[in-house]
């Protein structure tokens, strides 16, 4: 989720991937990054992880290793 005034474009994706490669081990960097307008939350404000997994499963760019 991005702050107001920022776009989720290819340049930002590359910058995030390069930052993670420099900070953590290079093999751990995210291969795909998806930008959403809002995260699914419960009434108490907790993040609904099961809903994020469902959204990732429906995404055509999400591929499971076989």
Protein backbone atom coordinates (compact mmCIF):
# COMPACT_ATOMS: atom_id res chain seq x y z
CA UNK A 1 0.00 0.00 0.00
CA UNK A 2 1.45 3.35 -1.02
CA UNK A 3 1.20 6.72 0.64
CA UNK A 4 -0.76 9.45 -1.08
CA UNK A 5 1.16 11.07 -3.91
CA UNK A 6 3.18 7.97 -4.86
CA UNK A 7 2.60 5.77 -7.90
CA UNK A 8 3.28 2.08 -8.11
CA UNK A 9 5.29 2.08 -11.32
CA UNK A 10 8.17 -0.01 -12.65
CA UNK A 11 10.79 2.42 -11.30
CA UNK A 12 9.46 2.15 -7.73
CA UNK A 13 9.23 -1.63 -8.00
CA UNK A 14 12.88 -1.81 -9.14
CA UNK A 15 13.95 0.58 -6.33
CA UNK A 16 12.20 -1.58 -3.71
CA UNK A 17 13.76 -4.76 -5.09
CA UNK A 18 17.24 -3.19 -5.14
CA UNK A 19 16.80 -1.95 -1.56
CA UNK A 20 15.83 -5.43 -0.34
CA UNK A 21 18.74 -7.01 -2.24
CA UNK A 22 21.17 -4.61 -0.56
CA UNK A 23 19.64 -4.98 2.91
CA UNK A 24 18.93 -8.71 3.06
CA UNK A 25 20.32 -11.67 1.15
CA UNK A 26 19.88 -11.17 -2.62
CA UNK A 27 17.95 -14.44 -3.07
CA UNK A 28 15.22 -13.20 -0.69
CA UNK A 29 14.12 -10.20 -2.76
CA UNK A 30 10.46 -10.09 -3.89
CA UNK A 31 10.12 -11.20 -7.51
CA UNK A 32 6.69 -9.62 -7.90
CA UNK A 33 5.22 -6.62 -6.11
CA UNK A 34 1.55 -5.73 -6.28
CA UNK A 35 0.22 -2.36 -5.19
CA UNK A 36 -3.25 -2.17 -3.62
CA UNK A 37 -5.35 0.83 -2.67
CA UNK A 38 -6.42 -0.61 0.71
CA UNK A 39 -5.59 -3.63 2.86
CA UNK A 40 -8.43 -5.85 4.11
CA UNK A 41 -9.00 -5.25 7.81
CA UNK A 42 -11.36 -6.55 10.49
CA UNK A 43 -13.69 -4.29 12.45
CA UNK A 44 -11.02 -3.97 15.14
CA UNK A 45 -8.36 -2.95 12.61
CA UNK A 46 -6.37 -6.18 12.37
CA UNK A 47 -5.03 -7.26 9.00
CA UNK A 48 -6.95 -10.15 7.41
CA UNK A 49 -4.11 -12.37 6.24
CA UNK A 50 -6.47 -15.02 4.86
CA UNK A 51 -8.00 -12.37 2.61
CA UNK A 52 -4.53 -11.36 1.36
CA UNK A 53 -3.78 -15.00 0.56
CA UNK A 54 -7.06 -15.26 -1.34
CA UNK A 55 -6.27 -12.10 -3.29
CA UNK A 56 -2.80 -13.44 -4.15
CA UNK A 57 -4.30 -16.74 -5.29
CA UNK A 58 -6.68 -14.99 -7.67
CA UNK A 59 -3.92 -12.87 -9.21
CA UNK A 60 -2.90 -14.05 -12.70
CA UNK A 61 0.73 -13.05 -12.04
CA UNK A 62 0.92 -15.28 -8.93
CA UNK A 63 2.51 -18.62 -9.80
CA UNK A 64 3.25 -21.43 -7.41
CA UNK A 65 6.47 -23.41 -7.79
CA UNK A 66 5.87 -26.98 -8.85
